[in-house]
């Protein structure tokens, strides 16, 4: 189990709903997406030495490091497949949140854990998300948080060392996903994929087909240049 101790004076509350901080656990436990780290209990506890009251969030322990630590430890050594897996996991979570009329409210690299299950024969990486924020106390857009993590991950890719397929995907992620779908400065309705997780996942699933088609007509290197801006 993992324990998070929060001084009660630091917790969000509303006059009409003093226990609004419990929404963090409620959100996580209602979601079915496997990325979400579930809560086991929320308890009050008073430190007899400090004489301060805390709320203790108790959740499943996840073996792994935060995405923040992963980025710092792997500068210049991040594979495009890893980034694609990250985006796919986030789009799946965003889709369920969208369907339920919910938001995470605080997606950033410290709230995403990177783990490789110890009993997974393939050793696939998994992403786990924690620290949901009560409504009204989070960031305005979960898409912005994912976009900022995507930008940092792309900065960790040694572009010139990649094969043409991965350089093609890099350009698609930087120009389309980052520039048009996740970081949208104008009206998001101008692009039918902006802020729409189902459409974003569909585009992500099609990148190999897109590269194969472009390579067949132009050649691999020309395919990369065709999406570079």
Protein backbone atom coordinates (compact mmCIF):
# COMPACT_ATOMS: atom_id res chain seq x y z
CA UNK A 1 0.00 0.00 0.00
CA UNK A 2 1.02 3.61 -0.54
CA UNK A 3 0.14 6.35 1.93
CA UNK A 4 -0.24 10.06 1.20
CA UNK A 5 -0.46 12.33 4.25
CA UNK A 6 -2.05 15.73 3.61
CA UNK A 7 -2.45 18.39 6.35
CA UNK A 8 -6.16 18.99 6.66
CA UNK A 9 -5.71 22.75 6.21
CA UNK A 10 -4.20 22.11 2.75
CA UNK A 11 -7.21 20.21 1.47
CA UNK A 12 -9.80 21.86 -0.77
CA UNK A 13 -13.26 22.28 0.71
CA UNK A 14 -16.50 24.06 0.02
CA UNK A 15 -18.67 25.58 2.70
CA UNK A 16 -21.61 23.43 1.65
CA UNK A 17 -19.45 20.30 1.18
CA UNK A 18 -16.52 20.20 3.64
CA UNK A 19 -15.48 16.69 2.58
CA UNK A 20 -15.07 17.59 -1.11
CA UNK A 21 -11.47 16.31 -0.96
CA UNK A 22 -12.90 12.78 -0.93
CA UNK A 23 -13.74 13.29 -4.60
CA UNK A 24 -10.11 12.40 -5.40
CA UNK A 25 -10.73 8.84 -4.26
CA UNK A 26 -14.29 8.71 -5.58
CA UNK A 27 -13.15 9.64 -9.09
CA UNK A 28 -10.38 7.05 -9.14
CA UNK A 29 -12.55 4.25 -7.81
CA UNK A 30 -15.46 4.76 -10.19
CA UNK A 31 -13.25 4.60 -13.28
CA UNK A 32 -12.68 1.25 -15.01
CA UNK A 33 -9.60 2.20 -17.02
CA UNK A 34 -6.59 0.04 -15.99
CA UNK A 35 -4.33 3.12 -15.91
CA UNK A 36 -6.05 4.44 -12.80
CA UNK A 37 -4.47 3.71 -9.41
CA UNK A 38 -7.37 2.77 -7.09
CA UNK A 39 -7.80 3.93 -3.51
CA UNK A 40 -8.28 1.49 -0.67
CA UNK A 41 -9.28 3.92 2.07
CA UNK A 42 -9.22 7.54 3.26
CA UNK A 43 -8.72 8.16 6.97
CA UNK A 44 -8.17 10.99 9.43
CA UNK A 45 -5.10 10.88 11.65
CA UNK A 46 -3.65 13.27 14.22
CA UNK A 47 0.10 13.38 14.70
CA UNK A 48 0.66 13.22 18.49
CA UNK A 49 4.05 14.92 18.18
CA UNK A 50 3.15 17.76 15.82
CA UNK A 51 -0.36 18.12 17.11
CA UNK A 52 -1.60 18.45 13.52
CA UNK A 53 -4.49 16.69 11.84
CA UNK A 54 -3.92 14.89 8.56
CA UNK A 55 -6.02 13.10 6.02
CA UNK A 56 -4.37 9.87 4.87
CA UNK A 57 -5.09 8.62 1.36
CA UNK A 58 -4.34 4.89 1.12
CA UNK A 59 -3.98 3.39 -2.33
CA UNK A 60 -2.51 0.49 -4.20
CA UNK A 61 1.29 0.59 -4.36
CA UNK A 62 2.69 0.72 -7.89
CA UNK A 63 6.23 -0.49 -8.58
CA UNK A 64 7.81 2.08 -10.86
CA UNK A 65 8.98 5.65 -11.26
CA UNK A 66 7.14 8.81 -12.21
CA UNK A 67 7.18 9.92 -15.82
CA UNK A 68 9.04 13.01 -14.56
CA UNK A 69 11.92 10.86 -13.27
CA UNK A 70 11.83 8.72 -16.40
CA UNK A 71 12.24 11.80 -18.61
CA UNK A 72 15.20 13.08 -16.61
CA UNK A 73 16.87 9.66 -16.65
CA UNK A 74 16.37 9.02 -20.38
CA UNK A 75 17.25 12.23 -22.16
CA UNK A 76 18.24 11.34 -25.72
CA UNK A 77 17.18 7.76 -25.16
CA UNK A 78 13.38 7.67 -25.49
CA UNK A 79 11.93 5.45 -28.20
CA UNK A 80 8.98 6.49 -30.32
CA UNK A 81 7.15 3.27 -29.39
CA UNK A 82 7.27 4.36 -25.75
CA UNK A 83 5.69 7.71 -26.64
CA UNK A 84 3.01 5.99 -28.71
CA UNK A 85 2.20 3.71 -25.76
CA UNK A 86 2.00 6.73 -23.46
CA UNK A 87 -0.41 8.56 -25.75
CA UNK A 88 -2.56 5.47 -26.27
CA UNK A 89 -2.86 5.00 -22.50
CA UNK A 90 -3.79 8.66 -22.00
CA UNK A 91 -6.35 8.64 -24.82
CA UNK A 92 -8.01 5.60 -23.28
CA UNK A 93 -8.29 7.37 -19.94
CA UNK A 94 -9.52 10.60 -21.53
CA UNK A 95 -12.18 8.68 -23.42
CA UNK A 96 -13.69 7.21 -20.24
CA UNK A 97 -13.47 10.57 -18.46
CA UNK A 98 -15.23 12.20 -21.40
CA UNK A 99 -17.98 9.58 -21.44
CA UNK A 100 -18.57 10.02 -17.72
CA UNK A 101 -18.50 13.82 -17.86
CA UNK A 102 -15.41 13.97 -15.65
CA UNK A 103 -11.89 15.38 -15.78
CA UNK A 104 -8.69 14.38 -14.03
CA UNK A 105 -7.80 17.99 -13.32
CA UNK A 106 -4.08 17.62 -12.74
CA UNK A 107 -2.37 15.42 -15.34
CA UNK A 108 1.37 16.05 -15.40
CA UNK A 109 4.57 14.02 -15.42
CA UNK A 110 4.68 13.61 -11.64
CA UNK A 111 1.18 12.12 -11.56
CA UNK A 112 1.90 9.46 -14.20
CA UNK A 113 3.83 6.37 -13.14
CA UNK A 114 5.88 4.24 -15.54
CA UNK A 115 5.92 0.60 -14.56
CA UNK A 116 6.79 -2.79 -16.01
CA UNK A 117 4.71 -5.48 -14.30
CA UNK A 118 7.00 -8.04 -12.71
CA UNK A 119 4.94 -11.00 -13.92
CA UNK A 120 4.38 -9.86 -17.50
CA UNK A 121 6.24 -12.21 -19.85
CA UNK A 122 6.56 -9.59 -22.57
CA UNK A 123 7.80 -6.90 -20.21
CA UNK A 124 5.44 -4.33 -21.67
CA UNK A 125 5.54 -0.89 -20.11
CA UNK A 126 2.38 0.38 -18.44
CA UNK A 127 1.31 3.84 -17.35
CA UNK A 128 -0.63 4.43 -14.14
CA UNK A 129 -2.35 7.69 -13.25
CA UNK A 130 -3.03 9.07 -9.77
CA UNK A 131 -3.94 12.24 -7.83
CA UNK A 132 -7.27 13.27 -9.32
CA UNK A 133 -8.41 16.74 -8.33
CA UNK A 134 -11.87 17.69 -7.03
CA UNK A 135 -14.03 19.60 -9.49
CA UNK A 136 -13.12 23.28 -9.45
CA UNK A 137 -9.64 22.72 -8.02
CA UNK A 138 -7.81 21.34 -11.06
CA UNK A 139 -6.20 22.59 -14.22
CA UNK A 140 -8.51 23.76 -17.02
CA UNK A 141 -7.52 21.07 -19.51
CA UNK A 142 -6.26 17.52 -19.19
CA UNK A 143 -5.18 17.80 -22.82
CA UNK A 144 -2.76 20.59 -21.94
CA UNK A 145 -1.05 18.41 -19.33
CA UNK A 146 -0.66 15.55 -21.79
CA UNK A 147 0.61 17.94 -24.46
CA UNK A 148 3.32 19.28 -22.14
CA UNK A 149 4.48 15.74 -21.33
CA UNK A 150 4.45 14.84 -25.03
CA UNK A 151 6.59 17.87 -25.86
CA UNK A 152 9.17 16.88 -23.22
CA UNK A 153 9.21 13.26 -24.40
CA UNK A 154 9.83 14.33 -27.99
CA UNK A 155 12.76 16.43 -26.77
CA UNK A 156 14.30 13.21 -25.42
CA UNK A 157 14.34 11.49 -28.82
CA UNK A 158 17.62 11.31 -30.76
CA UNK A 159 15.93 12.18 -34.03
CA UNK A 160 18.79 11.56 -36.48
CA UNK A 161 19.41 8.09 -35.05
CA UNK A 162 15.84 6.94 -35.73
CA UNK A 163 14.75 4.76 -38.62
CA UNK A 164 12.56 6.46 -41.27
CA UNK A 165 9.38 5.01 -39.80
CA UNK A 166 10.08 6.52 -36.38
CA UNK A 167 11.16 9.87 -37.85
CA UNK A 168 7.87 9.90 -39.75
CA UNK A 169 5.95 9.20 -36.53
CA UNK A 170 7.98 11.88 -34.74
CA UNK A 171 6.91 14.49 -37.30
CA UNK A 172 3.26 13.41 -37.07
CA UNK A 173 3.32 13.60 -33.27
CA UNK A 174 5.04 17.00 -33.23
CA UNK A 175 3.13 18.66 -36.05
CA UNK A 176 -0.31 17.09 -35.82
CA UNK A 177 -0.86 15.73 -32.31
CA UNK A 178 1.04 18.44 -30.47
CA UNK A 179 0.44 21.36 -32.79
CA UNK A 180 -3.14 20.73 -33.92
CA UNK A 181 -4.92 18.32 -31.58
CA UNK A 182 -3.60 18.86 -28.04
CA UNK A 183 -2.24 22.41 -27.96
CA UNK A 184 -5.05 24.27 -29.68
CA UNK A 185 -4.74 28.05 -29.43
CA UNK A 186 -7.75 28.85 -31.60
CA UNK A 187 -11.20 27.29 -31.89
CA UNK A 188 -10.83 23.50 -31.36
CA UNK A 189 -13.78 22.94 -33.68
CA UNK A 190 -11.52 23.85 -36.61
CA UNK A 191 -10.05 20.33 -36.46
CA UNK A 192 -12.26 17.28 -36.03
CA UNK A 193 -9.65 15.46 -33.92
CA UNK A 194 -8.86 18.21 -31.39
CA UNK A 195 -9.78 17.17 -27.86
CA UNK A 196 -11.47 13.98 -29.12
CA UNK A 197 -9.78 10.88 -27.70
CA UNK A 198 -11.51 8.34 -29.97
CA UNK A 199 -10.39 10.19 -33.10
CA UNK A 200 -6.91 10.75 -31.69
CA UNK A 201 -6.48 7.04 -30.99
CA UNK A 202 -7.69 6.21 -34.48
CA UNK A 203 -5.07 8.55 -35.99
CA UNK A 204 -2.37 7.04 -33.76
CA UNK A 205 -3.37 3.52 -34.84
CA UNK A 206 -3.05 4.50 -38.50
CA UNK A 207 0.51 5.92 -38.50
CA UNK A 208 2.12 2.69 -39.76
CA UNK A 209 -0.41 2.44 -42.58
CA UNK A 210 0.16 6.11 -43.40
CA UNK A 211 3.93 5.62 -43.50
CA UNK A 212 3.65 2.48 -45.65
CA UNK A 213 1.43 4.28 -48.17
CA UNK A 214 3.68 7.35 -48.31
CA UNK A 215 6.81 5.21 -48.63
CA UNK A 216 5.32 3.14 -51.44
CA UNK A 217 4.63 6.24 -53.53
CA UNK A 218 7.59 8.44 -52.60
CA UNK A 219 10.18 6.36 -50.77
CA UNK A 220 10.84 6.33 -46.98
CA UNK A 221 12.94 9.50 -46.80
CA UNK A 222 10.57 11.46 -48.98
CA UNK A 223 7.70 10.24 -46.80
CA UNK A 224 9.40 11.78 -43.79
CA UNK A 225 9.96 15.06 -45.61
CA UNK A 226 6.31 15.13 -46.66
CA UNK A 227 5.15 15.56 -43.04
CA UNK A 228 8.03 17.75 -41.83
CA UNK A 229 7.10 21.40 -41.34
